Amino acid sequence: MPFELISGSQAAAIAVQRVGVDMVSAYPITPQTAIVETLANFEANGQLGG
């Protein structure tokens, strides 16, 4: 299996995606902005379902 180097923010967003949460309450402010942006991209691509 190939490995991909990701940031901690990306790892947190992927964990939220995999757990399958129904709602995420977040305020996009540094350093959490990357998490919220990644979650927004997942939702836009139909990968989150929140």
C-alpha atoms as a PDB file:
ATOM      1  CA  MET A   1       0.000   0.000   0.000  1.00  0.00           C
ATOM      2  CA  PRO A   2       1.479   3.391  -0.952  1.00  0.00           C
ATOM      3  CA  PHE A   3       1.918   5.981   1.756  1.00  0.00           C
ATOM      4  CA  GLU A   4       1.077   9.650   1.497  1.00  0.00           C
ATOM      5  CA  LEU A   5       2.556  12.288   3.774  1.00  0.00           C
ATOM      6  CA  ILE A   6      -0.222  14.504   5.158  1.00  0.00           C
ATOM      7  CA  SER A   7      -0.434  17.271   7.720  1.00  0.00           C
ATOM      8  CA  GLY A   8      -1.978  16.933  11.146  1.00  0.00           C
ATOM      9  CA  SER A   9      -4.890  19.099  10.009  1.00  0.00           C
ATOM     10  CA  GLN A  10      -5.553  16.788   7.075  1.00  0.00           C
ATOM     11  CA  ALA A  11      -5.361  13.783   9.400  1.00  0.00           C
ATOM     12  CA  ALA A  12      -7.920  15.374  11.734  1.00  0.00           C
ATOM     13  CA  ALA A  13     -10.289  16.064   8.831  1.00  0.00           C
ATOM     14  CA  ILE A  14      -9.933  12.506   7.537  1.00  0.00           C
ATOM     15  CA  ALA A  15     -10.656  11.166  11.028  1.00  0.00           C
ATOM     16  CA  VAL A  16     -13.852  13.240  11.176  1.00  0.00           C
ATOM     17  CA  GLN A  17     -14.821  11.910   7.741  1.00  0.00           C
ATOM     18  CA  ARG A  18     -14.179   8.269   8.661  1.00  0.00           C
ATOM     19  CA  VAL A  19     -15.989   8.444  11.991  1.00  0.00           C
ATOM     20  CA  GLY A  20     -19.081   9.639  10.142  1.00  0.00           C
ATOM     21  CA  VAL A  21     -20.134  12.524  12.348  1.00  0.00           C
ATOM     22  CA  ASP A  22     -23.496  14.175  11.711  1.00  0.00           C
ATOM     23  CA  MET A  23     -22.390  17.722  12.512  1.00  0.00           C
ATOM     24  CA  VAL A  24     -19.149  19.619  12.908  1.00  0.00           C
ATOM     25  CA  SER A  25     -19.137  22.849  14.854  1.00  0.00           C
ATOM     26  CA  ALA A  26     -16.009  24.731  13.847  1.00  0.00           C
ATOM     27  CA  TYR A  27     -14.795  28.282  13.555  1.00  0.00           C
ATOM     28  CA  PRO A  28     -12.313  28.784  10.720  1.00  0.00           C
ATOM     29  CA  ILE A  29      -9.454  30.534  12.473  1.00  0.00           C
ATOM     30  CA  THR A  30      -5.777  29.727  12.244  1.00  0.00           C
ATOM     31  CA  PRO A  31      -4.513  27.015  12.804  1.00  0.00           C
ATOM     32  CA  GLN A  32      -7.842  25.163  12.488  1.00  0.00           C
ATOM     33  CA  THR A  33      -8.642  26.752   9.117  1.00  0.00           C
ATOM     34  CA  ALA A  34      -7.044  23.877   7.184  1.00  0.00           C
ATOM     35  CA  ILE A  35      -9.301  21.362   8.949  1.00  0.00           C
ATOM     36  CA  VAL A  36     -12.458  23.308   8.093  1.00  0.00           C
ATOM     37  CA  GLU A  37     -11.319  23.827   4.480  1.00  0.00           C
ATOM     38  CA  THR A  38     -10.623  20.106   4.041  1.00  0.00           C
ATOM     39  CA  LEU A  39     -14.004  19.191   5.532  1.00  0.00           C
ATOM     40  CA  ALA A  40     -15.697  21.705   3.215  1.00  0.00           C
ATOM     41  CA  ASN A  41     -13.975  20.087   0.232  1.00  0.00           C
ATOM     42  CA  PHE A  42     -15.109  16.636   1.387  1.00  0.00           C
ATOM     43  CA  GLU A  43     -18.682  17.911   1.658  1.00  0.00           C
ATOM     44  CA  ALA A  44     -18.536  19.600  -1.759  1.00  0.00           C
ATOM     45  CA  ASN A  45     -17.322  16.341  -3.313  1.00  0.00           C
ATOM     46  CA  GLY A  46     -20.028  14.298  -1.588  1.00  0.00           C
ATOM     47  CA  GLN A  47     -17.481  12.517   0.606  1.00  0.00           C
ATOM     48  CA  LEU A  48     -18.693  13.731   4.001  1.00  0.00           C
ATOM     49  CA  GLY A  49     -22.468  13.598   4.062  1.00  0.00           C
ATOM     50  CA  GLY A  50     -22.774  15.940   7.024  1.00  0.00           C
END
